[in-house]
Amino acid sequence: MAYGTLNADLVNGIGSSGINGFRLTLTTATPVTTADVSAAGTIYMTPYTSQVIGLYDGSNWQLISTAQMSVAAASGTNQVFDIFLDYNGGTPQLVTLDWTNDTTRATALVYQDGVLCKTGDLQQRYLGTARTKTGSQVSDTIAFRHLWNYYNRIDKDMYVEEPANSWTYTTATIRQANANTANQLDFVIGVDEDVVKANVYTTAYNGTQNVQLVVGVGLDSTTTMSGIHPKGLSATGAMTLVASHNSHTGIGRHYLAWLEHSQAVGSTAWYGDDNAPTIAQSGITGIIRC
């Protein structure tokens, strides 16, 4: 591992505090992954725009040049944790810190010269947040965006399809689509600065006229719709139903569930791919900056 202080006499001070050319990633030497990465046990801090970062030494900011670094994911299952780069006396190292639960930090972040650092140890610069999905493993996939960068964020898509051909649900109680717990987008956010976006697209049919049909997006809920979810009224054929959600979700782990509701009249059929996935496909899709 190569590291060093760049022109220390020239760059000491807050002028170097805003510099960070790295991204956190689950794939070595790949700052931006476009394919799903599941069950990764290592988090990498990989050069993206540069291999330089500013670190606070307790008195001044130092510009540090370093090659890729790595750290093991937090131990345990369903554990949210922060990732920091510690100045460590001039020998930088990545460290992690577990949260108390999915939405509560055990140790708060604090600004030093406009840079988020660990409270009580300003030499630890905050880089991002992650969550283990299974024991000591992190996933960054279209359904589970569990690695979040504070710096050099990019838009990443989220997407889940319902694999069933169709199902019947004619009940005036909101539930997750097809009672399938996989019909949701799962993600983690370290600092609440960006809006998370999601849309549901599906098709339903009820042979009785003017039956109210609704789909929606539930923020951390399978029983309450949030965002925009206009109702549809059944007619003589199948109808397309759409809902959207755009909001700040707060920090930590959250999910956006695909929900459905039918007035309890007649029989409502809901369609996944209607046994023709190349022609029609229902699902929930979204965008997150991470």
C-alpha atoms as a PDB file:
ATOM      1  CA  MET A   1       0.000   0.000   0.000  1.00  0.00           C
ATOM      2  CA  ALA A   2       1.417   3.346  -1.028  1.00  0.00           C
ATOM      3  CA  TYR A   3       0.570   6.482   0.858  1.00  0.00           C
ATOM      4  CA  GLY A   4       2.187   9.800   1.639  1.00  0.00           C
ATOM      5  CA  THR A   5       1.648  13.451   2.398  1.00  0.00           C
ATOM      6  CA  LEU A   6       1.622  15.731  -0.663  1.00  0.00           C
ATOM      7  CA  ASN A   7       3.488  19.034  -0.405  1.00  0.00           C
ATOM      8  CA  ALA A   8       2.638  19.348   3.269  1.00  0.00           C
ATOM      9  CA  ASP A   9       4.132  22.827   3.640  1.00  0.00           C
ATOM     10  CA  LEU A  10       1.869  24.136   0.858  1.00  0.00           C
ATOM     11  CA  VAL A  11      -1.424  22.399   1.528  1.00  0.00           C
ATOM     12  CA  ASN A  12      -1.737  22.388   5.318  1.00  0.00           C
ATOM     13  CA  GLY A  13      -5.018  24.067   6.235  1.00  0.00           C
ATOM     14  CA  ILE A  14      -8.650  23.962   5.268  1.00  0.00           C
ATOM     15  CA  GLY A  15      -7.923  24.348   1.538  1.00  0.00           C
ATOM     16  CA  SER A  16      -7.300  20.611   1.294  1.00  0.00           C
ATOM     17  CA  SER A  17     -10.214  19.570   3.496  1.00  0.00           C
ATOM     18  CA  GLY A  18     -12.747  19.262   0.657  1.00  0.00           C
ATOM     19  CA  ILE A  19     -10.660  16.937  -1.492  1.00  0.00           C
ATOM     20  CA  ASN A  20     -11.624  13.264  -1.848  1.00  0.00           C
ATOM     21  CA  GLY A  21     -11.053  11.447  -5.124  1.00  0.00           C
ATOM     22  CA  PHE A  22     -12.238   8.026  -3.905  1.00  0.00           C
ATOM     23  CA  ARG A  23     -15.436   5.974  -3.949  1.00  0.00           C
ATOM     24  CA  LEU A  24     -16.460   3.067  -1.760  1.00  0.00           C
ATOM     25  CA  THR A  25     -17.156  -0.092  -3.748  1.00  0.00           C
ATOM     26  CA  LEU A  26     -17.604  -3.829  -3.264  1.00  0.00           C
ATOM     27  CA  THR A  27     -15.413  -4.767  -6.231  1.00  0.00           C
ATOM     28  CA  THR A  28     -11.667  -4.238  -6.208  1.00  0.00           C
ATOM     29  CA  ALA A  29     -10.339  -1.581  -8.631  1.00  0.00           C
ATOM     30  CA  THR A  30     -13.901  -0.809  -9.794  1.00  0.00           C
ATOM     31  CA  PRO A  31     -15.148   2.496  -8.344  1.00  0.00           C
ATOM     32  CA  VAL A  32     -18.498   2.285 -10.151  1.00  0.00           C
ATOM     33  CA  THR A  33     -20.101  -1.144 -10.433  1.00  0.00           C
ATOM     34  CA  THR A  34     -22.858  -1.616 -13.022  1.00  0.00           C
ATOM     35  CA  ALA A  35     -23.538  -5.295 -12.376  1.00  0.00           C
ATOM     36  CA  ASP A  36     -25.034  -6.720  -9.182  1.00  0.00           C
ATOM     37  CA  VAL A  37     -22.572  -7.483  -6.391  1.00  0.00           C
ATOM     38  CA  SER A  38     -23.984  -9.789  -3.730  1.00  0.00           C
ATOM     39  CA  ALA A  39     -22.658 -10.990  -0.387  1.00  0.00           C
ATOM     40  CA  ALA A  40     -19.335  -9.122  -0.444  1.00  0.00           C
ATOM     41  CA  GLY A  41     -17.240  -9.333   2.694  1.00  0.00           C
ATOM     42  CA  THR A  42     -14.828  -6.518   1.828  1.00  0.00           C
ATOM     43  CA  ILE A  43     -15.359  -2.812   1.175  1.00  0.00           C
ATOM     44  CA  TYR A  44     -12.803  -1.005  -0.968  1.00  0.00           C
ATOM     45  CA  MET A  45     -11.911   2.678  -1.061  1.00  0.00           C
ATOM     46  CA  THR A  46     -10.924   2.918  -4.722  1.00  0.00           C
ATOM     47  CA  PRO A  47      -9.495   5.884  -6.688  1.00  0.00           C
ATOM     48  CA  TYR A  48     -12.211   7.468  -8.846  1.00  0.00           C
ATOM     49  CA  THR A  49     -11.384  11.063  -9.775  1.00  0.00           C
ATOM     50  CA  SER A  50      -7.949  10.894  -8.115  1.00  0.00           C
ATOM     51  CA  GLN A  51      -6.031   8.996  -5.453  1.00  0.00           C
ATOM     52  CA  VAL A  52      -5.840  11.981  -3.119  1.00  0.00           C
ATOM     53  CA  ILE A  53      -7.855  12.756   0.009  1.00  0.00           C
ATOM     54  CA  GLY A  54      -7.652  15.373   2.745  1.00  0.00           C
ATOM     55  CA  LEU A  55      -7.342  14.144   6.337  1.00  0.00           C
ATOM     56  CA  TYR A  56      -7.284  16.108   9.578  1.00  0.00           C
ATOM     57  CA  ASP A  57      -4.252  15.446  11.759  1.00  0.00           C
ATOM     58  CA  GLY A  58      -5.684  17.108  14.836  1.00  0.00           C
ATOM     59  CA  SER A  59      -4.390  20.562  13.954  1.00  0.00           C
ATOM     60  CA  ASN A  60      -4.228  20.862  10.167  1.00  0.00           C
ATOM     61  CA  TRP A  61      -5.568  19.224   7.033  1.00  0.00           C
ATOM     62  CA  GLN A  62      -3.110  17.046   5.157  1.00  0.00           C
ATOM     63  CA  LEU A  63      -3.410  15.892   1.558  1.00  0.00           C
ATOM     64  CA  ILE A  64      -2.763  12.163   1.475  1.00  0.00           C
ATOM     65  CA  SER A  65      -2.008  10.171  -1.665  1.00  0.00           C
ATOM     66  CA  THR A  66      -2.789   6.491  -1.393  1.00  0.00           C
ATOM     67  CA  ALA A  67      -3.545   3.439  -3.486  1.00  0.00           C
ATOM     68  CA  GLN A  68      -6.735   1.452  -2.990  1.00  0.00           C
ATOM     69  CA  MET A  69      -7.468   0.471   0.610  1.00  0.00           C
ATOM     70  CA  SER A  70      -9.929  -2.042   2.057  1.00  0.00           C
ATOM     71  CA  VAL A  71     -11.730  -3.005   5.239  1.00  0.00           C
ATOM     72  CA  ALA A  72     -13.859  -5.989   6.267  1.00  0.00           C
ATOM     73  CA  ALA A  73     -17.610  -5.488   6.486  1.00  0.00           C
ATOM     74  CA  ALA A  74     -19.112  -5.256   9.949  1.00  0.00           C
ATOM     75  CA  SER A  75     -19.788  -8.565  11.633  1.00  0.00           C
ATOM     76  CA  GLY A  76     -23.298  -9.873  12.051  1.00  0.00           C
ATOM     77  CA  THR A  77     -26.506  -9.788  10.017  1.00  0.00           C
ATOM     78  CA  ASN A  78     -28.636  -6.706   9.345  1.00  0.00           C
ATOM     79  CA  GLN A  79     -25.996  -4.388  10.819  1.00  0.00           C
ATOM     80  CA  VAL A  80     -25.756  -0.787   9.617  1.00  0.00           C
ATOM     81  CA  PHE A  81     -22.276   0.710   9.972  1.00  0.00           C
ATOM     82  CA  ASP A  82     -20.249   3.759   8.950  1.00  0.00           C
ATOM     83  CA  ILE A  83     -16.915   3.707   7.127  1.00  0.00           C
ATOM     84  CA  PHE A  84     -14.197   6.225   8.016  1.00  0.00           C
ATOM     85  CA  LEU A  85     -10.648   6.897   6.862  1.00  0.00           C
ATOM     86  CA  ASP A  86      -8.506   7.412   9.955  1.00  0.00           C
ATOM     87  CA  TYR A  87      -5.397   9.622   9.691  1.00  0.00           C
ATOM     88  CA  ASN A  88      -3.832   7.253  12.243  1.00  0.00           C
ATOM     89  CA  GLY A  89      -0.656   9.234  12.863  1.00  0.00           C
ATOM     90  CA  GLY A  90       0.104   9.576   9.147  1.00  0.00           C
ATOM     91  CA  THR A  91      -0.533   5.929   8.278  1.00  0.00           C
ATOM     92  CA  PRO A  92      -4.160   6.054   7.080  1.00  0.00           C
ATOM     93  CA  GLN A  93      -6.454   3.086   7.592  1.00  0.00           C
ATOM     94  CA  LEU A  94     -10.108   2.338   6.939  1.00  0.00           C
ATOM     95  CA  VAL A  95     -12.220   1.676  10.017  1.00  0.00           C
ATOM     96  CA  THR A  96     -15.904   0.896  10.618  1.00  0.00           C
ATOM     97  CA  LEU A  97     -18.343   1.824  13.372  1.00  0.00           C
ATOM     98  CA  ASP A  98     -21.633   0.007  14.001  1.00  0.00           C
ATOM     99  CA  TRP A  99     -24.965   1.815  14.397  1.00  0.00           C
ATOM    100  CA  THR A 100     -27.274   1.131  17.345  1.00  0.00           C
ATOM    101  CA  ASN A 101     -30.032  -0.008  14.987  1.00  0.00           C
ATOM    102  CA  ASP A 102     -31.215   0.462  11.389  1.00  0.00           C
ATOM    103  CA  THR A 103     -31.901   4.194  11.792  1.00  0.00           C
ATOM    104  CA  THR A 104     -29.797   5.349  14.757  1.00  0.00           C
ATOM    105  CA  ARG A 105     -26.071   6.050  14.877  1.00  0.00           C
ATOM    106  CA  ALA A 106     -24.239   5.031  18.020  1.00  0.00           C
ATOM    107  CA  THR A 107     -21.812   7.923  17.471  1.00  0.00           C
ATOM    108  CA  ALA A 108     -22.878  11.083  15.681  1.00  0.00           C
ATOM    109  CA  LEU A 109     -21.064  12.803  12.836  1.00  0.00           C
ATOM    110  CA  VAL A 110     -19.691  16.303  13.326  1.00  0.00           C
ATOM    111  CA  TYR A 111     -18.331  18.913  10.917  1.00  0.00           C
ATOM    112  CA  GLN A 112     -14.686  19.957  11.046  1.00  0.00           C
ATOM    113  CA  ASP A 113     -14.087  22.843   8.611  1.00  0.00           C
ATOM    114  CA  GLY A 114     -17.137  21.698   6.639  1.00  0.00           C
ATOM    115  CA  VAL A 115     -16.095  18.033   6.537  1.00  0.00           C
ATOM    116  CA  LEU A 116     -18.027  15.284   8.303  1.00  0.00           C
ATOM    117  CA  CYS A 117     -15.899  13.408  10.822  1.00  0.00           C
ATOM    118  CA  LYS A 118     -16.461  11.109  13.768  1.00  0.00           C
ATOM    119  CA  THR A 119     -17.498  12.860  16.969  1.00  0.00           C
ATOM    120  CA  GLY A 120     -14.687  12.521  19.488  1.00  0.00           C
ATOM    121  CA  ASP A 121     -12.060  11.682  16.868  1.00  0.00           C
ATOM    122  CA  LEU A 122     -11.816  14.307  14.111  1.00  0.00           C
ATOM    123  CA  GLN A 123      -8.951  12.415  12.488  1.00  0.00           C
ATOM    124  CA  GLN A 124     -11.541   9.923  11.216  1.00  0.00           C
ATOM    125  CA  ARG A 125     -13.111  11.308   8.026  1.00  0.00           C
ATOM    126  CA  TYR A 126     -16.571   9.956   7.198  1.00  0.00           C
ATOM    127  CA  LEU A 127     -16.784   8.228   3.796  1.00  0.00           C
ATOM    128  CA  GLY A 128     -20.110   6.404   3.735  1.00  0.00           C
ATOM    129  CA  THR A 129     -22.498   3.878   5.226  1.00  0.00           C
ATOM    130  CA  ALA A 130     -23.310   0.222   4.552  1.00  0.00           C
ATOM    131  CA  ARG A 131     -25.501  -2.578   5.884  1.00  0.00           C
ATOM    132  CA  THR A 132     -24.917  -6.294   6.076  1.00  0.00           C
ATOM    133  CA  LYS A 133     -27.702  -8.362   4.537  1.00  0.00           C
ATOM    134  CA  THR A 134     -26.379 -11.697   5.688  1.00  0.00           C
ATOM    135  CA  GLY A 135     -23.592 -12.442   8.156  1.00  0.00           C
ATOM    136  CA  SER A 136     -20.728  -9.969   7.580  1.00  0.00           C
ATOM    137  CA  GLN A 137     -21.702  -9.503   3.917  1.00  0.00           C
ATOM    138  CA  VAL A 138     -22.908  -6.437   1.995  1.00  0.00           C
ATOM    139  CA  SER A 139     -24.881  -6.365  -1.269  1.00  0.00           C
ATOM    140  CA  ASP A 140     -25.111  -3.683  -3.932  1.00  0.00           C
ATOM    141  CA  THR A 141     -27.778  -4.955  -6.332  1.00  0.00           C
ATOM    142  CA  ILE A 142     -30.828  -3.600  -8.120  1.00  0.00           C
ATOM    143  CA  ALA A 143     -33.000  -4.742  -5.190  1.00  0.00           C
ATOM    144  CA  PHE A 144     -30.549  -4.070  -2.329  1.00  0.00           C
ATOM    145  CA  ARG A 145     -28.494  -0.854  -2.442  1.00  0.00           C
ATOM    146  CA  HIS A 146     -26.701  -1.422   0.836  1.00  0.00           C
ATOM    147  CA  LEU A 147     -23.526   0.571   0.138  1.00  0.00           C
ATOM    148  CA  TRP A 148     -23.840   4.360   0.193  1.00  0.00           C
ATOM    149  CA  ASN A 149     -21.132   6.883  -0.669  1.00  0.00           C
ATOM    150  CA  TYR A 150     -21.035  10.314   0.899  1.00  0.00           C
ATOM    151  CA  TYR A 151     -18.596  11.484  -1.799  1.00  0.00           C
ATOM    152  CA  ASN A 152     -18.746  11.142  -5.594  1.00  0.00           C
ATOM    153  CA  ARG A 153     -22.294   9.770  -5.532  1.00  0.00           C
ATOM    154  CA  ILE A 154     -23.885   8.558  -8.765  1.00  0.00           C
ATOM    155  CA  ASP A 155     -27.421   7.534  -9.722  1.00  0.00           C
ATOM    156  CA  LYS A 156     -28.044   3.806  -9.419  1.00  0.00           C
ATOM    157  CA  ASP A 157     -31.195   2.035 -10.528  1.00  0.00           C
ATOM    158  CA  MET A 158     -33.406  -0.163  -8.390  1.00  0.00           C
ATOM    159  CA  TYR A 159     -35.788  -2.686  -9.867  1.00  0.00           C
ATOM    160  CA  VAL A 160     -37.929  -5.666  -8.833  1.00  0.00           C
ATOM    161  CA  GLU A 161     -40.288  -7.711 -11.028  1.00  0.00           C
ATOM    162  CA  GLU A 162     -43.133  -9.919  -9.823  1.00  0.00           C
ATOM    163  CA  PRO A 163     -42.443 -13.381 -11.333  1.00  0.00           C
ATOM    164  CA  ALA A 164     -45.996 -14.741 -11.004  1.00  0.00           C
ATOM    165  CA  ASN A 165     -48.203 -14.788 -14.074  1.00  0.00           C
ATOM    166  CA  SER A 166     -51.190 -13.441 -12.119  1.00  0.00           C
ATOM    167  CA  TRP A 167     -52.988 -13.612  -8.787  1.00  0.00           C
ATOM    168  CA  THR A 168     -56.367 -12.696  -7.306  1.00  0.00           C
ATOM    169  CA  TYR A 169     -56.834 -10.203  -4.478  1.00  0.00           C
ATOM    170  CA  THR A 170     -60.193  -8.520  -3.935  1.00  0.00           C
ATOM    171  CA  THR A 171     -59.838  -7.109  -0.456  1.00  0.00           C
ATOM    172  CA  ALA A 172     -60.152  -3.525   0.747  1.00  0.00           C
ATOM    173  CA  THR A 173     -56.997  -3.853   2.834  1.00  0.00           C
ATOM    174  CA  ILE A 174     -53.627  -2.595   1.650  1.00  0.00           C
ATOM    175  CA  ARG A 175     -50.980  -5.290   1.367  1.00  0.00           C
ATOM    176  CA  GLN A 176     -47.689  -5.966  -0.403  1.00  0.00           C
ATOM    177  CA  ALA A 177     -48.235  -7.000  -4.013  1.00  0.00           C
ATOM    178  CA  ASN A 178     -49.105 -10.687  -4.265  1.00  0.00           C
ATOM    179  CA  ALA A 179     -48.222 -10.965  -0.535  1.00  0.00           C
ATOM    180  CA  ASN A 180     -44.634 -11.281  -1.770  1.00  0.00           C
ATOM    181  CA  THR A 181     -42.080  -9.797   0.640  1.00  0.00           C
ATOM    182  CA  ALA A 182     -39.580  -9.515  -2.226  1.00  0.00           C
ATOM    183  CA  ASN A 183     -41.690  -6.815  -3.893  1.00  0.00           C
ATOM    184  CA  GLN A 184     -39.740  -3.891  -2.484  1.00  0.00           C
ATOM    185  CA  LEU A 185     -36.610  -1.791  -2.950  1.00  0.00           C
ATOM    186  CA  ASP A 186     -34.196  -1.960  -0.014  1.00  0.00           C
ATOM    187  CA  PHE A 187     -31.463   0.624   0.585  1.00  0.00           C
ATOM    188  CA  VAL A 188     -29.321   2.488   3.097  1.00  0.00           C
ATOM    189  CA  ILE A 189     -28.572   6.228   3.353  1.00  0.00           C
ATOM    190  CA  GLY A 190     -25.860   7.784   5.493  1.00  0.00           C
ATOM    191  CA  VAL A 191     -26.753  11.489   5.258  1.00  0.00           C
ATOM    192  CA  ASP A 192     -30.217  12.630   4.177  1.00  0.00           C
ATOM    193  CA  GLU A 193     -29.378  14.952   1.282  1.00  0.00           C
ATOM    194  CA  ASP A 194     -31.008  13.388  -1.797  1.00  0.00           C
ATOM    195  CA  VAL A 195     -34.533  12.458  -2.813  1.00  0.00           C
ATOM    196  CA  VAL A 196     -35.179   8.752  -3.416  1.00  0.00           C
ATOM    197  CA  LYS A 197     -37.519   8.014  -6.321  1.00  0.00           C
ATOM    198  CA  ALA A 198     -39.715   4.987  -7.006  1.00  0.00           C
ATOM    199  CA  ASN A 199     -42.564   4.049  -9.349  1.00  0.00           C
ATOM    200  CA  VAL A 200     -44.943   1.092  -9.524  1.00  0.00           C
ATOM    201  CA  TYR A 201     -46.389  -0.153 -12.812  1.00  0.00           C
ATOM    202  CA  THR A 202     -48.913  -2.986 -12.944  1.00  0.00           C
ATOM    203  CA  THR A 203     -52.080  -4.238 -14.628  1.00  0.00           C
ATOM    204  CA  ALA A 204     -55.329  -5.370 -13.009  1.00  0.00           C
ATOM    205  CA  TYR A 205     -58.775  -6.515 -14.089  1.00  0.00           C
ATOM    206  CA  ASN A 206     -62.194  -6.701 -12.427  1.00  0.00           C
ATOM    207  CA  GLY A 207     -65.229  -7.650 -14.523  1.00  0.00           C
ATOM    208  CA  THR A 208     -67.550  -5.533 -12.402  1.00  0.00           C
ATOM    209  CA  GLN A 209     -67.920  -1.912 -13.491  1.00  0.00           C
ATOM    210  CA  ASN A 210     -66.457   0.941 -11.388  1.00  0.00           C
ATOM    211  CA  VAL A 211     -64.587  -1.114  -8.814  1.00  0.00           C
ATOM    212  CA  GLN A 212     -61.848   0.962  -7.169  1.00  0.00           C
ATOM    213  CA  LEU A 213     -58.323  -0.410  -7.746  1.00  0.00           C
ATOM    214  CA  VAL A 214     -55.158   1.183  -6.372  1.00  0.00           C
ATOM    215  CA  VAL A 215     -51.435   0.490  -6.309  1.00  0.00           C
ATOM    216  CA  GLY A 216     -48.962   2.462  -4.261  1.00  0.00           C
ATOM    217  CA  VAL A 217     -45.528   2.728  -2.699  1.00  0.00           C
ATOM    218  CA  GLY A 218     -45.118   2.251   1.040  1.00  0.00           C
ATOM    219  CA  LEU A 219     -42.159   3.878   2.779  1.00  0.00           C
ATOM    220  CA  ASP A 220     -41.118   1.369   5.437  1.00  0.00           C
ATOM    221  CA  SER A 221     -44.682   0.065   5.424  1.00  0.00           C
ATOM    222  CA  THR A 222     -46.726  -2.706   3.814  1.00  0.00           C
ATOM    223  CA  THR A 223     -50.020  -1.242   5.024  1.00  0.00           C
ATOM    224  CA  THR A 224     -49.777   2.508   4.285  1.00  0.00           C
ATOM    225  CA  MET A 225     -49.271   4.133   0.895  1.00  0.00           C
ATOM    226  CA  SER A 226     -47.133   7.249   0.522  1.00  0.00           C
ATOM    227  CA  GLY A 227     -46.492   9.491  -2.456  1.00  0.00           C
ATOM    228  CA  ILE A 228     -48.960   9.637  -5.351  1.00  0.00           C
ATOM    229  CA  HIS A 229     -51.377   6.702  -5.756  1.00  0.00           C
ATOM    230  CA  PRO A 230     -54.491   7.669  -7.766  1.00  0.00           C
ATOM    231  CA  LYS A 231     -57.323   5.154  -7.879  1.00  0.00           C
ATOM    232  CA  GLY A 232     -58.534   3.456 -11.018  1.00  0.00           C
ATOM    233  CA  LEU A 233     -62.088   2.339 -11.793  1.00  0.00           C
ATOM    234  CA  SER A 234     -62.594  -0.999 -13.525  1.00  0.00           C
ATOM    235  CA  ALA A 235     -64.208  -0.935 -16.950  1.00  0.00           C
ATOM    236  CA  THR A 236     -64.521  -3.555 -19.688  1.00  0.00           C
ATOM    237  CA  GLY A 237     -60.878  -4.621 -19.845  1.00  0.00           C
ATOM    238  CA  ALA A 238     -57.613  -4.788 -17.960  1.00  0.00           C
ATOM    239  CA  MET A 239     -56.263  -1.427 -16.817  1.00  0.00           C
ATOM    240  CA  THR A 240     -52.788  -0.088 -16.157  1.00  0.00           C
ATOM    241  CA  LEU A 241     -52.180   1.280 -12.660  1.00  0.00           C
ATOM    242  CA  VAL A 242     -49.274   3.576 -11.771  1.00  0.00           C
ATOM    243  CA  ALA A 243     -47.999   5.099  -8.517  1.00  0.00           C
ATOM    244  CA  SER A 244     -44.945   7.171  -7.602  1.00  0.00           C
ATOM    245  CA  HIS A 245     -42.935   8.139  -4.562  1.00  0.00           C
ATOM    246  CA  ASN A 246     -40.320  10.935  -4.395  1.00  0.00           C
ATOM    247  CA  SER A 247     -39.078  11.998  -0.972  1.00  0.00           C
ATOM    248  CA  HIS A 248     -36.299  12.233   1.564  1.00  0.00           C
ATOM    249  CA  THR A 249     -36.469   9.003   3.544  1.00  0.00           C
ATOM    250  CA  GLY A 250     -34.179   9.841   6.440  1.00  0.00           C
ATOM    251  CA  ILE A 251     -30.922   8.135   7.336  1.00  0.00           C
ATOM    252  CA  GLY A 252     -30.336   4.429   7.774  1.00  0.00           C
ATOM    253  CA  ARG A 253     -31.917   1.384   6.195  1.00  0.00           C
ATOM    254  CA  HIS A 254     -35.296   1.863   4.523  1.00  0.00           C
ATOM    255  CA  TYR A 255     -37.481   0.097   2.002  1.00  0.00           C
ATOM    256  CA  LEU A 256     -40.097   1.114  -0.558  1.00  0.00           C
ATOM    257  CA  ALA A 257     -42.777  -1.571  -0.878  1.00  0.00           C
ATOM    258  CA  TRP A 258     -45.064  -2.183  -3.846  1.00  0.00           C
ATOM    259  CA  LEU A 259     -48.615  -2.174  -2.449  1.00  0.00           C
ATOM    260  CA  GLU A 260     -52.056  -3.081  -3.777  1.00  0.00           C
ATOM    261  CA  HIS A 261     -55.689  -2.520  -2.763  1.00  0.00           C
ATOM    262  CA  SER A 262     -59.019  -3.530  -4.297  1.00  0.00           C
ATOM    263  CA  GLN A 263     -62.543  -2.611  -3.418  1.00  0.00           C
ATOM    264  CA  ALA A 264     -64.169  -5.829  -2.193  1.00  0.00           C
ATOM    265  CA  VAL A 265     -66.526  -6.218  -5.152  1.00  0.00           C
ATOM    266  CA  GLY A 266     -66.409  -8.912  -7.846  1.00  0.00           C
ATOM    267  CA  SER A 267     -63.018 -10.514  -8.401  1.00  0.00           C
ATOM    268  CA  THR A 268     -59.826  -8.535  -9.052  1.00  0.00           C
ATOM    269  CA  ALA A 269     -57.025 -10.194 -10.976  1.00  0.00           C
ATOM    270  CA  TRP A 270     -53.547  -8.693 -10.805  1.00  0.00           C
ATOM    271  CA  TYR A 271     -50.888  -9.467 -13.396  1.00  0.00           C
ATOM    272  CA  GLY A 272     -47.153  -9.987 -13.108  1.00  0.00           C
ATOM    273  CA  ASP A 273     -46.098 -11.014 -16.605  1.00  0.00           C
ATOM    274  CA  ASP A 274     -49.363 -12.693 -17.679  1.00  0.00           C
ATOM    275  CA  ASN A 275     -47.253 -15.635 -18.897  1.00  0.00           C
ATOM    276  CA  ALA A 276     -45.721 -13.386 -21.550  1.00  0.00           C
ATOM    277  CA  PRO A 277     -42.716 -11.584 -19.956  1.00  0.00           C
ATOM    278  CA  THR A 278     -41.380 -10.345 -23.286  1.00  0.00           C
ATOM    279  CA  ILE A 279     -44.636  -8.451 -23.812  1.00  0.00           C
ATOM    280  CA  ALA A 280     -45.727  -7.339 -20.333  1.00  0.00           C
ATOM    281  CA  GLN A 281     -44.091  -7.109 -16.922  1.00  0.00           C
ATOM    282  CA  SER A 282     -45.252  -5.478 -13.701  1.00  0.00           C
ATOM    283  CA  GLY A 283     -42.841  -4.216 -11.095  1.00  0.00           C
ATOM    284  CA  ILE A 284     -41.401  -1.454  -8.962  1.00  0.00           C
ATOM    285  CA  THR A 285     -38.482   0.656 -10.144  1.00  0.00           C
ATOM    286  CA  GLY A 286     -36.464   3.429  -8.564  1.00  0.00           C
ATOM    287  CA  ILE A 287     -33.371   5.635  -8.498  1.00  0.00           C
ATOM    288  CA  ILE A 288     -31.012   6.293  -5.589  1.00  0.00           C
ATOM    289  CA  ARG A 289     -27.829   8.354  -5.445  1.00  0.00           C
ATOM    290  CA  CYS A 290     -25.195   6.288  -3.710  1.00  0.00           C
END
